[in-house]
PDB file of N, CA and C in Angstrom:
ATOM      1  N   MET A   1      95.837  97.403  83.893  1.00  0.00           N
ATOM      2  CA  MET A   1      96.277  96.025  84.389  1.00  0.00           C
ATOM      3  C   MET A   1      96.554  96.418  85.770  1.00  0.00           C
ATOM      4  N   ALA A   2      96.329  95.531  86.922  1.00  0.00           N
ATOM      5  CA  ALA A   2      96.405  95.949  88.474  1.00  0.00           C
ATOM      6  C   ALA A   2      97.745  94.825  88.904  1.00  0.00           C
ATOM      7  N   LEU A   3      98.480  94.929  89.812  1.00  0.00           N
ATOM      8  CA  LEU A   3      99.649  94.070  90.330  1.00  0.00           C
ATOM      9  C   LEU A   3      99.114  94.344  91.812  1.00  0.00           C
ATOM     10  N   GLU A   4      98.837  93.158  92.622  1.00  0.00           N
ATOM     11  CA  GLU A   4      98.776  92.931  93.683  1.00  0.00           C
ATOM     12  C   GLU A   4     100.327  93.079  94.752  1.00  0.00           C
ATOM     13  N   VAL A   5     100.600  93.997  95.763  1.00  0.00           N
ATOM     14  CA  VAL A   5     102.019  94.134  96.263  1.00  0.00           C
ATOM     15  C   VAL A   5     101.652  93.820  97.769  1.00  0.00           C
ATOM     16  N   LYS A   6     102.710  93.116  98.268  1.00  0.00           N
ATOM     17  CA  LYS A   6     102.398  92.581  99.661  1.00  0.00           C
ATOM     18  C   LYS A   6     102.924  93.997 100.940  1.00  0.00           C
ATOM     19  N   SER A   7     103.576  94.967 100.053  1.00  0.00           N
ATOM     20  CA  SER A   7     103.738  96.546 101.007  1.00  0.00           C
ATOM     21  C   SER A   7     104.234  97.314  99.841  1.00  0.00           C
ATOM     22  N   MET A   8     103.295  98.436 100.158  1.00  0.00           N
ATOM     23  CA  MET A   8     103.306  99.351  99.085  1.00  0.00           C
ATOM     24  C   MET A   8     104.599 100.221  99.405  1.00  0.00           C
ATOM     25  N   GLU A   9     104.888 100.425 100.353  1.00  0.00           N
ATOM     26  CA  GLU A   9     106.131 100.885 100.654  1.00  0.00           C
ATOM     27  C   GLU A   9     107.584 100.290 100.059  1.00  0.00           C
ATOM     28  N   ASP A  10     107.558  99.216 100.365  1.00  0.00           N
ATOM     29  CA  ASP A  10     108.713  98.336  99.631  1.00  0.00           C
ATOM     30  C   ASP A  10     108.332  98.306  98.094  1.00  0.00           C
ATOM     31  N   ALA A  11     107.243  98.232  97.637  1.00  0.00           N
ATOM     32  CA  ALA A  11     107.234  98.004  96.041  1.00  0.00           C
ATOM     33  C   ALA A  11     107.728  99.318  95.570  1.00  0.00           C
ATOM     34  N   ILE A  12     107.389 100.457  96.016  1.00  0.00           N
ATOM     35  CA  ILE A  12     107.634 101.962  95.879  1.00  0.00           C
ATOM     36  C   ILE A  12     109.292 102.074  95.725  1.00  0.00           C
ATOM     37  N   ASN A  13     109.760 101.824  96.898  1.00  0.00           N
ATOM     38  CA  ASN A  13     111.424 101.681  96.892  1.00  0.00           C
ATOM     39  C   ASN A  13     111.958 100.770  95.838  1.00  0.00           C
ATOM     40  N   TYR A  14     111.602  99.782  95.582  1.00  0.00           N
ATOM     41  CA  TYR A  14     112.186  98.793  94.949  1.00  0.00           C
ATOM     42  C   TYR A  14     112.239  99.432  93.286  1.00  0.00           C
ATOM     43  N   LEU A  15     110.557 100.012  92.950  1.00  0.00           N
ATOM     44  CA  LEU A  15     110.544 100.617  91.660  1.00  0.00           C
ATOM     45  C   LEU A  15     111.562 101.759  91.396  1.00  0.00           C
ATOM     46  N   ARG A  16     111.541 102.495  92.347  1.00  0.00           N
ATOM     47  CA  ARG A  16     112.276 104.265  92.409  1.00  0.00           C
ATOM     48  C   ARG A  16     113.460 103.239  92.228  1.00  0.00           C
ATOM     49  N   ASP A  17     114.437 102.509  93.157  1.00  0.00           N
ATOM     50  CA  ASP A  17     115.776 102.215  93.076  1.00  0.00           C
ATOM     51  C   ASP A  17     115.814 101.287  91.515  1.00  0.00           C
ATOM     52  N   HIS A  18     115.224 101.382  90.295  1.00  0.00           N
ATOM     53  CA  HIS A  18     115.100 100.753  89.272  1.00  0.00           C
ATOM     54  C   HIS A  18     114.687 101.781  88.063  1.00  0.00           C
ATOM     55  N   GLY A  19     114.650 102.909  88.626  1.00  0.00           N
ATOM     56  CA  GLY A  19     113.906 104.261  87.616  1.00  0.00           C
ATOM     57  C   GLY A  19     112.821 104.127  87.372  1.00  0.00           C
ATOM     58  N   VAL A  20     111.733 103.245  88.129  1.00  0.00           N
ATOM     59  CA  VAL A  20     110.454 103.668  87.812  1.00  0.00           C
ATOM     60  C   VAL A  20     109.099 104.332  88.848  1.00  0.00           C
ATOM     61  N   TYR A  21     108.797 105.456  88.587  1.00  0.00           N
ATOM     62  CA  TYR A  21     108.569 106.478  89.655  1.00  0.00           C
ATOM     63  C   TYR A  21     106.610 106.284  89.614  1.00  0.00           C
ATOM     64  N   VAL A  22     106.481 106.395  90.675  1.00  0.00           N
ATOM     65  CA  VAL A  22     104.819 106.454  90.857  1.00  0.00           C
ATOM     66  C   VAL A  22     104.082 107.792  90.261  1.00  0.00           C
ATOM     67  N   THR A  23     103.162 107.700  89.647  1.00  0.00           N
ATOM     68  CA  THR A  23     102.668 108.806  88.890  1.00  0.00           C
ATOM     69  C   THR A  23     101.592 109.244  89.453  1.00  0.00           C
ATOM     70  N   TRP A  24     100.535 108.622  90.576  1.00  0.00           N
ATOM     71  CA  TRP A  24      99.275 108.586  91.102  1.00  0.00           C
ATOM     72  C   TRP A  24      99.613 107.899  92.240  1.00  0.00           C
ATOM     73  N   GLY A  25      99.011 108.896  93.528  1.00  0.00           N
ATOM     74  CA  GLY A  25      99.076 107.949  94.681  1.00  0.00           C
ATOM     75  C   GLY A  25     100.605 108.084  95.379  1.00  0.00           C
ATOM     76  N   PRO A  26     100.829 107.102  96.557  1.00  0.00           N
ATOM     77  CA  PRO A  26      99.683 106.253  97.090  1.00  0.00           C
ATOM     78  C   PRO A  26      98.375 106.897  97.994  1.00  0.00           C
ATOM     79  N   ILE A  27      97.273 106.163  97.484  1.00  0.00           N
ATOM     80  CA  ILE A  27      96.352 106.908  98.336  1.00  0.00           C
ATOM     81  C   ILE A  27      95.752 105.688  99.192  1.00  0.00           C
ATOM     82  N   ASP A  28      95.242 105.900 100.605  1.00  0.00           N
ATOM     83  CA  ASP A  28      94.768 105.322 101.515  1.00  0.00           C
ATOM     84  C   ASP A  28      93.141 105.312 101.297  1.00  0.00           C
ATOM     85  N   LEU A  29      93.094 104.028 101.007  1.00  0.00           N
ATOM     86  CA  LEU A  29      91.284 103.586 100.504  1.00  0.00           C
ATOM     87  C   LEU A  29      90.718 103.163 102.049  1.00  0.00           C
ATOM     88  N   GLY A  30      91.587 103.143 102.851  1.00  0.00           N
ATOM     89  CA  GLY A  30      90.867 102.016 104.059  1.00  0.00           C
ATOM     90  C   GLY A  30      91.234 100.691 104.068  1.00  0.00           C
ATOM     91  N   VAL A  31      90.226  99.956 103.451  1.00  0.00           N
ATOM     92  CA  VAL A  31      90.793  98.388 103.117  1.00  0.00           C
ATOM     93  C   VAL A  31      92.043  98.260 101.972  1.00  0.00           C
ATOM     94  N   SER A  32      92.520  99.402 101.346  1.00  0.00           N
ATOM     95  CA  SER A  32      93.609  98.973 100.551  1.00  0.00           C
ATOM     96  C   SER A  32      94.187 100.389 100.408  1.00  0.00           C
ATOM     97  N   ILE A  33      95.450 100.451  99.921  1.00  0.00           N
ATOM     98  CA  ILE A  33      96.157 101.167  99.602  1.00  0.00           C
ATOM     99  C   ILE A  33      96.332 101.412  97.999  1.00  0.00           C
ATOM    100  N   ARG A  34      96.493 102.166  96.999  1.00  0.00           N
ATOM    101  CA  ARG A  34      96.434 102.373  95.736  1.00  0.00           C
ATOM    102  C   ARG A  34      97.404 103.341  95.068  1.00  0.00           C
ATOM    103  N   ALA A  35      98.199 102.938  94.190  1.00  0.00           N
ATOM    104  CA  ALA A  35      99.072 103.732  93.606  1.00  0.00           C
ATOM    105  C   ALA A  35      98.988 103.451  92.187  1.00  0.00           C
ATOM    106  N   GLU A  36      99.860 104.050  91.237  1.00  0.00           N
ATOM    107  CA  GLU A  36      99.889 104.362  89.796  1.00  0.00           C
ATOM    108  C   GLU A  36     101.184 104.034  89.562  1.00  0.00           C
ATOM    109  N   ILE A  37     101.812 103.330  88.396  1.00  0.00           N
ATOM    110  CA  ILE A  37     102.745 103.845  87.391  1.00  0.00           C
ATOM    111  C   ILE A  37     102.536 103.540  86.020  1.00  0.00           C
ATOM    112  N   THR A  38     103.382 103.856  85.198  1.00  0.00           N
ATOM    113  CA  THR A  38     103.113 103.394  83.909  1.00  0.00           C
ATOM    114  C   THR A  38     104.074 102.991  83.074  1.00  0.00           C
ATOM    115  N   ASP A  39     103.746 101.920  82.093  1.00  0.00           N
ATOM    116  CA  ASP A  39     104.533 101.438  81.313  1.00  0.00           C
ATOM    117  C   ASP A  39     105.128 102.153  80.430  1.00  0.00           C
ATOM    118  N   PRO A  40     106.292 101.781  79.599  1.00  0.00           N
ATOM    119  CA  PRO A  40     107.010 102.392  78.448  1.00  0.00           C
ATOM    120  C   PRO A  40     106.064 103.271  77.773  1.00  0.00           C
ATOM    121  N   ASP A  41     105.077 102.757  77.072  1.00  0.00           N
ATOM    122  CA  ASP A  41     104.112 103.530  76.202  1.00  0.00           C
ATOM    123  C   ASP A  41     102.906 104.322  77.008  1.00  0.00           C
ATOM    124  N   GLY A  42     103.170 104.307  78.436  1.00  0.00           N
ATOM    125  CA  GLY A  42     102.238 105.402  78.983  1.00  0.00           C
ATOM    126  C   GLY A  42     100.823 104.619  79.386  1.00  0.00           C
ATOM    127  N   LEU A  43     100.758 103.410  79.406  1.00  0.00           N
ATOM    128  CA  LEU A  43      99.582 102.734  79.928  1.00  0.00           C
ATOM    129  C   LEU A  43      99.909 102.863  81.625  1.00  0.00           C
ATOM    130  N   ALA A  44      98.856 103.016  82.191  1.00  0.00           N
ATOM    131  CA  ALA A  44      98.562 103.071  83.527  1.00  0.00           C
ATOM    132  C   ALA A  44      98.733 101.638  84.077  1.00  0.00           C
ATOM    133  N   ILE A  45      99.463 101.369  85.366  1.00  0.00           N
ATOM    134  CA  ILE A  45      99.679  99.997  86.027  1.00  0.00           C
ATOM    135  C   ILE A  45      99.098 100.340  87.318  1.00  0.00           C
ATOM    136  N   GLU A  46      98.063  99.796  88.029  1.00  0.00           N
ATOM    137  CA  GLU A  46      97.921 100.117  89.260  1.00  0.00           C
ATOM    138  C   GLU A  46      98.500  99.056  90.365  1.00  0.00           C
ATOM    139  N   LEU A  47      98.826  99.815  91.301  1.00  0.00           N
ATOM    140  CA  LEU A  47      99.541  98.697  92.441  1.00  0.00           C
ATOM    141  C   LEU A  47      98.633  98.755  93.495  1.00  0.00           C
ATOM    142  N   ARG A  48      98.321  97.898  94.438  1.00  0.00           N
ATOM    143  CA  ARG A  48      97.389  97.645  95.236  1.00  0.00           C
ATOM    144  C   ARG A  48      97.791  96.818  96.286  1.00  0.00           C
ATOM    145  N   GLU A  49      98.018  97.717  97.408  1.00  0.00           N
ATOM    146  CA  GLU A  49      97.847  96.455  98.591  1.00  0.00           C
ATOM    147  C   GLU A  49      96.749  96.692  99.555  1.00  0.00           C
ATOM    148  N   TRP A  50      96.681  95.302  99.605  1.00  0.00           N
ATOM    149  CA  TRP A  50      94.885  95.079 100.398  1.00  0.00           C
ATOM    150  C   TRP A  50      95.499  94.748 102.111  1.00  0.00           C
ATOM    151  N   ARG A  51      94.817  95.495 102.764  1.00  0.00           N
ATOM    152  CA  ARG A  51      95.001  95.315 104.333  1.00  0.00           C
ATOM    153  C   ARG A  51      94.432  94.134 104.465  1.00  0.00           C
ATOM    154  N   HIS A  52      92.796  93.928 104.272  1.00  0.00           N
ATOM    155  CA  HIS A  52      92.070  93.104 104.954  1.00  0.00           C
ATOM    156  C   HIS A  52      91.465  92.370 103.487  1.00  0.00           C
ATOM    157  N   LYS A  53      91.578  91.234 102.947  1.00  0.00           N
ATOM    158  CA  LYS A  53      90.962  90.882 101.830  1.00  0.00           C
ATOM    159  C   LYS A  53      89.329  90.347 101.911  1.00  0.00           C
ATOM    160  N   PRO A  54      88.491  90.630 101.572  1.00  0.00           N
ATOM    161  CA  PRO A  54      87.107  90.532 101.732  1.00  0.00           C
ATOM    162  C   PRO A  54      86.696  89.406 101.441  1.00  0.00           C
ATOM    163  N   TRP A  55      87.568  88.430 100.663  1.00  0.00           N
ATOM    164  CA  TRP A  55      87.124  87.491  99.951  1.00  0.00           C
ATOM    165  C   TRP A  55      87.635  86.008 100.908  1.00  0.00           C
TER     166      TRP A  55
END
């Protein structure tokens, strides 16, 4: 599953304040920034901040 966030920094800070930590990233991919968190079952959830939406 993937979630689009407006600001990766704000999303990470909010999640950290609520006990959820980034397990991978954030990585700058040029057109976007990507990071991952996990749900309580250990399944990955992608966070993506688009800098430019090509669509």
